[in-house]
Amino acid sequence: MYFAALLARTEDGWEASDTELDEVETLTDLADLAREAAVDDDTVVAFIEQEGTWFGVIRVDGEDDPRVFVSNAAVAARSSYGAMLTDELLGRDDDDADDLDALNLDGTEDGEPETDDNADDNDTIDAVNGSESPAIAHGPLGDSRLLADLGVDEEELLALNGDALATIADSLGCTEVLEAVR
């Protein structure tokens, strides 16, 4: 079960809205949704949380590229919205995975990918196209300084666990606004 909310900064504080992610398939979709919630192209912070196992923070400032932080990349990558964020952060393009022409049929009977004895221990072989891709580490991924100017420094964000979104909202001064949409 996901919880998602958008917090739009205004000159009077923050406005929150519960967010439906049904139409969100890419980070661009999420950034567009955030921009629609923005007041005068000011900052919008999107929160995504999955049952306390991981959380993501996406910051959109006007037309700038979104900044993303994920609390536990390996866990998030196992869920649809978490995978969307981690794939974006790792520069993975899922269009290739969906294209049958991209399959590397290497002739092995059991379909196992070829292995490379020279592969780095931190790399994995992509089962779809046989290419090497960085392994997703357990732990944070992304821009851990994305909220520093709003009162949540890098060290604090990296140390969060439990109800992290409430802690972030408290630092931003919008706990009541966030709780109203929860």
C-alpha atoms as a PDB file:
ATOM      1  CA  MET A   1       0.000   0.000   0.000  1.00  0.00           C
ATOM      2  CA  TYR A   2       1.352   3.382  -1.013  1.00  0.00           C
ATOM      3  CA  PHE A   3       0.869   6.786   0.507  1.00  0.00           C
ATOM      4  CA  ALA A   4       1.579   9.747  -1.747  1.00  0.00           C
ATOM      5  CA  ALA A   5       1.147  13.454  -1.187  1.00  0.00           C
ATOM      6  CA  LEU A   6       2.180  16.704  -2.786  1.00  0.00           C
ATOM      7  CA  LEU A   7       3.250  19.669  -0.660  1.00  0.00           C
ATOM      8  CA  ALA A   8       3.203  22.948  -2.555  1.00  0.00           C
ATOM      9  CA  ARG A   9       5.001  25.897  -0.991  1.00  0.00           C
ATOM     10  CA  THR A  10       3.088  29.149  -0.940  1.00  0.00           C
ATOM     11  CA  GLU A  11       3.806  32.540   0.566  1.00  0.00           C
ATOM     12  CA  ASP A  12       1.501  31.523   3.452  1.00  0.00           C
ATOM     13  CA  GLY A  13       3.213  28.180   4.122  1.00  0.00           C
ATOM     14  CA  TRP A  14       2.488  24.789   2.591  1.00  0.00           C
ATOM     15  CA  GLU A  15      -0.592  23.344   0.932  1.00  0.00           C
ATOM     16  CA  ALA A  16      -0.926  19.568   0.784  1.00  0.00           C
ATOM     17  CA  SER A  17      -2.949  17.345  -1.454  1.00  0.00           C
ATOM     18  CA  ASP A  18      -3.434  13.619  -1.474  1.00  0.00           C
ATOM     19  CA  THR A  19      -2.058  12.266  -4.717  1.00  0.00           C
ATOM     20  CA  GLU A  20      -3.378   9.454  -6.874  1.00  0.00           C
ATOM     21  CA  LEU A  21      -0.536   7.696  -8.646  1.00  0.00           C
ATOM     22  CA  ASP A  22      -2.758   5.653 -10.979  1.00  0.00           C
ATOM     23  CA  GLU A  23      -1.796   7.732 -14.038  1.00  0.00           C
ATOM     24  CA  VAL A  24       1.879   8.112 -13.049  1.00  0.00           C
ATOM     25  CA  GLU A  25       4.187   5.825 -15.020  1.00  0.00           C
ATOM     26  CA  THR A  26       7.370   7.890 -15.178  1.00  0.00           C
ATOM     27  CA  LEU A  27       9.223  10.497 -13.174  1.00  0.00           C
ATOM     28  CA  THR A  28       8.206  13.000 -15.858  1.00  0.00           C
ATOM     29  CA  ASP A  29       4.539  12.210 -15.155  1.00  0.00           C
ATOM     30  CA  LEU A  30       5.103  12.770 -11.449  1.00  0.00           C
ATOM     31  CA  ALA A  31       6.991  16.029 -12.074  1.00  0.00           C
ATOM     32  CA  ASP A  32       4.146  17.254 -14.311  1.00  0.00           C
ATOM     33  CA  LEU A  33       1.645  16.414 -11.570  1.00  0.00           C
ATOM     34  CA  ALA A  34       3.773  18.371  -9.083  1.00  0.00           C
ATOM     35  CA  ARG A  35       4.008  21.360 -11.419  1.00  0.00           C
ATOM     36  CA  GLU A  36       0.207  21.400 -11.726  1.00  0.00           C
ATOM     37  CA  ALA A  37       0.006  21.681  -7.913  1.00  0.00           C
ATOM     38  CA  ALA A  38       2.608  24.467  -7.757  1.00  0.00           C
ATOM     39  CA  VAL A  39       1.668  27.981  -6.759  1.00  0.00           C
ATOM     40  CA  ASP A  40       3.504  30.565  -8.890  1.00  0.00           C
ATOM     41  CA  ASP A  41       6.130  27.992  -9.978  1.00  0.00           C
ATOM     42  CA  ASP A  42       7.316  27.681  -6.368  1.00  0.00           C
ATOM     43  CA  THR A  43       8.711  24.497  -4.833  1.00  0.00           C
ATOM     44  CA  VAL A  44       6.628  21.324  -4.702  1.00  0.00           C
ATOM     45  CA  VAL A  45       7.726  18.322  -2.685  1.00  0.00           C
ATOM     46  CA  ALA A  46       6.182  14.949  -3.481  1.00  0.00           C
ATOM     47  CA  PHE A  47       6.282  12.139  -0.932  1.00  0.00           C
ATOM     48  CA  ILE A  48       5.846   8.473  -1.737  1.00  0.00           C
ATOM     49  CA  GLU A  49       5.944   5.879   1.017  1.00  0.00           C
ATOM     50  CA  GLN A  50       5.291   2.159   0.956  1.00  0.00           C
ATOM     51  CA  GLU A  51       4.125   0.798   4.306  1.00  0.00           C
ATOM     52  CA  GLY A  52       7.179   2.041   6.173  1.00  0.00           C
ATOM     53  CA  THR A  53       9.609  -0.065   4.092  1.00  0.00           C
ATOM     54  CA  TRP A  54      10.930   2.818   1.996  1.00  0.00           C
ATOM     55  CA  PHE A  55      10.138   6.416   1.182  1.00  0.00           C
ATOM     56  CA  GLY A  56      10.914   8.715  -1.690  1.00  0.00           C
ATOM     57  CA  VAL A  57      11.083  12.483  -1.842  1.00  0.00           C
ATOM     58  CA  ILE A  58      10.822  14.247  -5.169  1.00  0.00           C
ATOM     59  CA  ARG A  59      11.431  17.988  -5.335  1.00  0.00           C
ATOM     60  CA  VAL A  60      10.273  20.077  -8.276  1.00  0.00           C
ATOM     61  CA  ASP A  61      11.251  23.744  -8.559  1.00  0.00           C
ATOM     62  CA  GLY A  62       9.485  25.365 -11.509  1.00  0.00           C
ATOM     63  CA  GLU A  63      10.700  23.924 -14.797  1.00  0.00           C
ATOM     64  CA  ASP A  64      13.972  22.578 -13.332  1.00  0.00           C
ATOM     65  CA  ASP A  65      14.594  18.846 -13.503  1.00  0.00           C
ATOM     66  CA  PRO A  66      13.135  17.015 -10.502  1.00  0.00           C
ATOM     67  CA  ARG A  67      15.501  16.071  -7.692  1.00  0.00           C
ATOM     68  CA  VAL A  68      14.948  12.625  -6.180  1.00  0.00           C
ATOM     69  CA  PHE A  69      15.906  10.807  -2.988  1.00  0.00           C
ATOM     70  CA  VAL A  70      14.989   7.200  -2.142  1.00  0.00           C
ATOM     71  CA  SER A  71      15.600   5.891   1.390  1.00  0.00           C
ATOM     72  CA  ASN A  72      16.371   2.273   0.457  1.00  0.00           C
ATOM     73  CA  ALA A  73      16.993   1.684  -3.233  1.00  0.00           C
ATOM     74  CA  ALA A  74      17.104  -2.129  -3.160  1.00  0.00           C
ATOM     75  CA  VAL A  75      13.778  -2.399  -1.337  1.00  0.00           C
ATOM     76  CA  ALA A  76      12.159   0.353  -3.405  1.00  0.00           C
ATOM     77  CA  ALA A  77      13.263  -1.267  -6.662  1.00  0.00           C
ATOM     78  CA  ARG A  78      10.989  -4.223  -5.872  1.00  0.00           C
ATOM     79  CA  SER A  79       7.871  -2.029  -6.084  1.00  0.00           C
ATOM     80  CA  SER A  80       6.442  -0.306  -9.137  1.00  0.00           C
ATOM     81  CA  TYR A  81       6.825   3.319  -8.019  1.00  0.00           C
ATOM     82  CA  GLY A  82      10.123   2.643  -6.291  1.00  0.00           C
ATOM     83  CA  ALA A  83      11.451   0.981  -9.442  1.00  0.00           C
ATOM     84  CA  MET A  84      10.359   4.031 -11.433  1.00  0.00           C
ATOM     85  CA  LEU A  85      12.473   6.251  -9.150  1.00  0.00           C
ATOM     86  CA  THR A  86      15.501   3.969  -8.830  1.00  0.00           C
ATOM     87  CA  ASP A  87      15.592   3.274 -12.583  1.00  0.00           C
ATOM     88  CA  GLU A  88      15.594   7.021 -13.217  1.00  0.00           C
ATOM     89  CA  LEU A  89      18.375   7.596 -10.682  1.00  0.00           C
ATOM     90  CA  LEU A  90      20.457   4.773 -12.152  1.00  0.00           C
ATOM     91  CA  GLY A  91      19.839   5.914 -15.719  1.00  0.00           C
ATOM     92  CA  ARG A  92      18.087   2.724 -16.730  1.00  0.00           C
ATOM     93  CA  ASP A  93      15.806   2.807 -19.745  1.00  0.00           C
ATOM     94  CA  ASP A  94      12.979   0.295 -19.456  1.00  0.00           C
ATOM     95  CA  ASP A  95      12.012   0.696 -23.133  1.00  0.00           C
ATOM     96  CA  ASP A  96      14.752  -1.778 -24.026  1.00  0.00           C
ATOM     97  CA  ALA A  97      13.411  -4.357 -21.576  1.00  0.00           C
ATOM     98  CA  ASP A  98      10.006  -4.274 -23.266  1.00  0.00           C
ATOM     99  CA  ASP A  99      11.328  -4.648 -26.797  1.00  0.00           C
ATOM    100  CA  LEU A 100      11.567  -8.257 -27.971  1.00  0.00           C
ATOM    101  CA  ASP A 101      14.123  -7.207 -30.580  1.00  0.00           C
ATOM    102  CA  ALA A 102      16.481  -6.270 -27.717  1.00  0.00           C
ATOM    103  CA  LEU A 103      16.611  -9.833 -26.377  1.00  0.00           C
ATOM    104  CA  ASN A 104      20.004 -11.453 -26.544  1.00  0.00           C
ATOM    105  CA  LEU A 105      19.182 -15.058 -27.297  1.00  0.00           C
ATOM    106  CA  ASP A 106      22.577 -16.583 -26.656  1.00  0.00           C
ATOM    107  CA  GLY A 107      21.611 -20.174 -27.288  1.00  0.00           C
ATOM    108  CA  THR A 108      21.803 -21.415 -23.714  1.00  0.00           C
ATOM    109  CA  GLU A 109      19.184 -24.049 -23.042  1.00  0.00           C
ATOM    110  CA  ASP A 110      18.020 -22.759 -19.688  1.00  0.00           C
ATOM    111  CA  GLY A 111      18.005 -19.087 -20.681  1.00  0.00           C
ATOM    112  CA  GLU A 112      20.673 -18.061 -18.166  1.00  0.00           C
ATOM    113  CA  PRO A 113      22.656 -15.002 -19.184  1.00  0.00           C
ATOM    114  CA  GLU A 114      26.280 -15.257 -20.109  1.00  0.00           C
ATOM    115  CA  THR A 115      28.667 -14.486 -17.284  1.00  0.00           C
ATOM    116  CA  ASP A 116      31.784 -12.382 -17.470  1.00  0.00           C
ATOM    117  CA  ASP A 117      34.680 -13.514 -15.295  1.00  0.00           C
ATOM    118  CA  ASN A 118      35.992  -9.945 -15.381  1.00  0.00           C
ATOM    119  CA  ALA A 119      32.759  -8.408 -14.092  1.00  0.00           C
ATOM    120  CA  ASP A 120      33.033  -6.221 -11.021  1.00  0.00           C
ATOM    121  CA  ASP A 121      31.430  -7.669  -7.879  1.00  0.00           C
ATOM    122  CA  ASN A 122      29.136  -4.639  -7.795  1.00  0.00           C
ATOM    123  CA  ASP A 123      27.768  -5.349 -11.274  1.00  0.00           C
ATOM    124  CA  THR A 124      25.052  -7.736 -12.306  1.00  0.00           C
ATOM    125  CA  ILE A 125      24.237  -9.221 -15.670  1.00  0.00           C
ATOM    126  CA  ASP A 126      20.907  -7.969 -17.014  1.00  0.00           C
ATOM    127  CA  ALA A 127      18.902 -11.109 -17.775  1.00  0.00           C
ATOM    128  CA  VAL A 128      16.995  -9.422 -20.599  1.00  0.00           C
ATOM    129  CA  ASN A 129      19.822  -8.211 -22.788  1.00  0.00           C
ATOM    130  CA  GLY A 130      22.961  -9.669 -21.207  1.00  0.00           C
ATOM    131  CA  SER A 131      24.504  -6.282 -20.488  1.00  0.00           C
ATOM    132  CA  GLU A 132      26.140  -5.320 -17.246  1.00  0.00           C
ATOM    133  CA  SER A 133      24.277  -2.896 -14.983  1.00  0.00           C
ATOM    134  CA  PRO A 134      25.153  -1.571 -11.552  1.00  0.00           C
ATOM    135  CA  ALA A 135      23.694  -3.563  -8.680  1.00  0.00           C
ATOM    136  CA  ILE A 136      21.202  -1.707  -6.544  1.00  0.00           C
ATOM    137  CA  ALA A 137      22.672  -1.231  -3.094  1.00  0.00           C
ATOM    138  CA  HIS A 138      20.686  -1.484   0.108  1.00  0.00           C
ATOM    139  CA  GLY A 139      20.488   2.031   1.394  1.00  0.00           C
ATOM    140  CA  PRO A 140      19.812   5.541   0.170  1.00  0.00           C
ATOM    141  CA  LEU A 141      20.068   6.643  -3.437  1.00  0.00           C
ATOM    142  CA  GLY A 142      19.757  10.074  -4.996  1.00  0.00           C
ATOM    143  CA  ASP A 143      20.151  13.674  -3.896  1.00  0.00           C
ATOM    144  CA  SER A 144      20.338  13.631  -0.110  1.00  0.00           C
ATOM    145  CA  ARG A 145      20.689  17.440  -0.045  1.00  0.00           C
ATOM    146  CA  LEU A 146      17.406  18.171  -1.866  1.00  0.00           C
ATOM    147  CA  LEU A 147      15.734  19.517   1.301  1.00  0.00           C
ATOM    148  CA  ALA A 148      18.757  21.182   2.946  1.00  0.00           C
ATOM    149  CA  ASP A 149      17.583  24.722   2.195  1.00  0.00           C
ATOM    150  CA  LEU A 150      14.146  23.839   3.604  1.00  0.00           C
ATOM    151  CA  GLY A 151      15.430  22.674   7.009  1.00  0.00           C
ATOM    152  CA  VAL A 152      16.278  18.978   6.502  1.00  0.00           C
ATOM    153  CA  ASP A 153      20.016  18.624   6.120  1.00  0.00           C
ATOM    154  CA  GLU A 154      21.743  15.700   4.457  1.00  0.00           C
ATOM    155  CA  GLU A 155      22.723  13.921   7.685  1.00  0.00           C
ATOM    156  CA  GLU A 156      19.180  14.135   9.058  1.00  0.00           C
ATOM    157  CA  LEU A 157      17.618  12.820   5.845  1.00  0.00           C
ATOM    158  CA  LEU A 158      20.058   9.905   5.676  1.00  0.00           C
ATOM    159  CA  ALA A 159      19.359   8.958   9.312  1.00  0.00           C
ATOM    160  CA  LEU A 160      15.557   8.861   8.972  1.00  0.00           C
ATOM    161  CA  ASN A 161      13.616   5.671   9.525  1.00  0.00           C
ATOM    162  CA  GLY A 162      10.187   4.822  10.893  1.00  0.00           C
ATOM    163  CA  ASP A 163       7.728   7.592  10.130  1.00  0.00           C
ATOM    164  CA  ALA A 164      10.202   9.594   8.086  1.00  0.00           C
ATOM    165  CA  LEU A 165       7.588  11.672   6.282  1.00  0.00           C
ATOM    166  CA  ALA A 166       6.231  13.000   9.575  1.00  0.00           C
ATOM    167  CA  THR A 167       9.754  13.981  10.622  1.00  0.00           C
ATOM    168  CA  ILE A 168      10.351  15.745   7.311  1.00  0.00           C
ATOM    169  CA  ALA A 169       6.970  17.500   7.527  1.00  0.00           C
ATOM    170  CA  ASP A 170       7.823  18.638  11.063  1.00  0.00           C
ATOM    171  CA  SER A 171      11.100  20.147   9.836  1.00  0.00           C
ATOM    172  CA  LEU A 172       9.294  21.861   6.949  1.00  0.00           C
ATOM    173  CA  GLY A 173       6.678  23.205   9.350  1.00  0.00           C
ATOM    174  CA  CYS A 174       3.747  21.459   7.702  1.00  0.00           C
ATOM    175  CA  THR A 175       2.916  18.491   9.944  1.00  0.00           C
ATOM    176  CA  GLU A 176      -0.755  19.431  10.317  1.00  0.00           C
ATOM    177  CA  VAL A 177      -1.109  19.979   6.553  1.00  0.00           C
ATOM    178  CA  LEU A 178       0.392  16.573   5.758  1.00  0.00           C
ATOM    179  CA  GLU A 179      -1.629  14.779   8.416  1.00  0.00           C
ATOM    180  CA  ALA A 180      -4.817  16.258   6.974  1.00  0.00           C
ATOM    181  CA  VAL A 181      -4.302  14.260   3.757  1.00  0.00           C
ATOM    182  CA  ARG A 182      -3.111  11.062   5.412  1.00  0.00           C
END
